[in-house]
Amino acid sequence: MAFPRPRVMPTAGRIVTVNDPPGQSLDGTPRERVKREVFAEYFHRCAVRDVTGMRIVLYGRAGRC
């Protein structure tokens, strides 16, 4: 099943995500693969903070970090 590319993410200036902690394998579902593709295409990773049991990442568009 193919998922359409999200419309909100490419128009947002900055996005905060909560992810699995370091060392966990990436979720291989089609929806998660599309999200990673959109982040790679439209955003830069601005900041990363590891918190107990999770990783918080701030993504921003060019010049918005």
C-alpha atoms as a PDB file:
ATOM      1  CA  MET A   1       0.000   0.000   0.000  1.00  0.00           C
ATOM      2  CA  ALA A   2       1.466   3.344  -1.015  1.00  0.00           C
ATOM      3  CA  PHE A   3       0.947   6.415   1.126  1.00  0.00           C
ATOM      4  CA  PRO A   4       0.603   9.910  -0.331  1.00  0.00           C
ATOM      5  CA  ARG A   5       3.265  12.382   0.660  1.00  0.00           C
ATOM      6  CA  PRO A   6       2.138  14.536   3.592  1.00  0.00           C
ATOM      7  CA  ARG A   7       1.016  18.048   2.720  1.00  0.00           C
ATOM      8  CA  VAL A   8       1.531  19.717   6.093  1.00  0.00           C
ATOM      9  CA  MET A   9       5.130  18.709   6.718  1.00  0.00           C
ATOM     10  CA  PRO A  10       6.643  20.381   3.621  1.00  0.00           C
ATOM     11  CA  THR A  11       4.885  23.682   4.447  1.00  0.00           C
ATOM     12  CA  ALA A  12       5.867  23.788   8.132  1.00  0.00           C
ATOM     13  CA  GLY A  13       8.883  25.873   9.142  1.00  0.00           C
ATOM     14  CA  ARG A  14       9.933  23.632  12.022  1.00  0.00           C
ATOM     15  CA  ILE A  15       8.832  20.238  13.319  1.00  0.00           C
ATOM     16  CA  VAL A  16       9.631  18.456  16.590  1.00  0.00           C
ATOM     17  CA  THR A  17       9.581  14.662  16.587  1.00  0.00           C
ATOM     18  CA  VAL A  18       9.736  12.106  19.378  1.00  0.00           C
ATOM     19  CA  ASN A  19      11.629   9.023  18.272  1.00  0.00           C
ATOM     20  CA  ASP A  20      12.829   5.702  19.586  1.00  0.00           C
ATOM     21  CA  PRO A  21      16.071   5.898  21.561  1.00  0.00           C
ATOM     22  CA  PRO A  22      19.422   5.467  19.800  1.00  0.00           C
ATOM     23  CA  GLY A  23      20.218   1.907  18.827  1.00  0.00           C
ATOM     24  CA  GLN A  24      16.641   0.947  17.935  1.00  0.00           C
ATOM     25  CA  SER A  25      16.027  -0.217  14.395  1.00  0.00           C
ATOM     26  CA  LEU A  26      14.058   2.099  12.109  1.00  0.00           C
ATOM     27  CA  ASP A  27      10.382   1.370  11.620  1.00  0.00           C
ATOM     28  CA  GLY A  28      10.071  -0.080   8.118  1.00  0.00           C
ATOM     29  CA  THR A  29       6.373   0.582   7.523  1.00  0.00           C
ATOM     30  CA  PRO A  30       5.518   2.458   4.317  1.00  0.00           C
ATOM     31  CA  ARG A  31       4.141   5.414   6.282  1.00  0.00           C
ATOM     32  CA  GLU A  32       7.347   5.794   8.321  1.00  0.00           C
ATOM     33  CA  ARG A  33       9.533   5.478   5.222  1.00  0.00           C
ATOM     34  CA  VAL A  34       7.589   8.322   3.575  1.00  0.00           C
ATOM     35  CA  LYS A  35       8.039  10.500   6.675  1.00  0.00           C
ATOM     36  CA  ARG A  36      11.804   9.926   6.634  1.00  0.00           C
ATOM     37  CA  GLU A  37      11.930  10.759   2.912  1.00  0.00           C
ATOM     38  CA  VAL A  38      10.050  14.031   3.488  1.00  0.00           C
ATOM     39  CA  PHE A  39      12.330  15.029   6.375  1.00  0.00           C
ATOM     40  CA  ALA A  40      15.409  14.279   4.268  1.00  0.00           C
ATOM     41  CA  GLU A  41      14.081  16.261   1.289  1.00  0.00           C
ATOM     42  CA  TYR A  42      12.651  19.349   3.005  1.00  0.00           C
ATOM     43  CA  PHE A  43      14.331  19.737   6.417  1.00  0.00           C
ATOM     44  CA  HIS A  44      17.648  19.967   8.231  1.00  0.00           C
ATOM     45  CA  ARG A  45      18.209  18.363  11.604  1.00  0.00           C
ATOM     46  CA  CYS A  46      18.665  21.341  13.924  1.00  0.00           C
ATOM     47  CA  ALA A  47      18.931  19.791  17.375  1.00  0.00           C
ATOM     48  CA  VAL A  48      18.805  16.377  19.019  1.00  0.00           C
ATOM     49  CA  ARG A  49      18.225  15.635  22.688  1.00  0.00           C
ATOM     50  CA  ASP A  50      18.241  12.161  24.187  1.00  0.00           C
ATOM     51  CA  VAL A  51      15.839  11.766  27.082  1.00  0.00           C
ATOM     52  CA  THR A  52      15.233   8.590  29.058  1.00  0.00           C
ATOM     53  CA  GLY A  53      13.703   6.117  26.625  1.00  0.00           C
ATOM     54  CA  MET A  54      13.363   8.506  23.673  1.00  0.00           C
ATOM     55  CA  ARG A  55      15.104  10.900  21.316  1.00  0.00           C
ATOM     56  CA  ILE A  56      13.647  14.347  20.592  1.00  0.00           C
ATOM     57  CA  VAL A  57      14.654  15.934  17.291  1.00  0.00           C
ATOM     58  CA  LEU A  58      13.996  19.451  16.030  1.00  0.00           C
ATOM     59  CA  TYR A  59      13.875  19.743  12.248  1.00  0.00           C
ATOM     60  CA  GLY A  60      13.803  23.062  10.414  1.00  0.00           C
ATOM     61  CA  ARG A  61      13.729  24.277   6.869  1.00  0.00           C
ATOM     62  CA  ALA A  62      16.826  26.015   5.553  1.00  0.00           C
ATOM     63  CA  GLY A  63      17.429  29.108   7.685  1.00  0.00           C
ATOM     64  CA  ARG A  64      14.777  28.162  10.247  1.00  0.00           C
ATOM     65  CA  CYS A  65      16.886  26.261  12.798  1.00  0.00           C
END
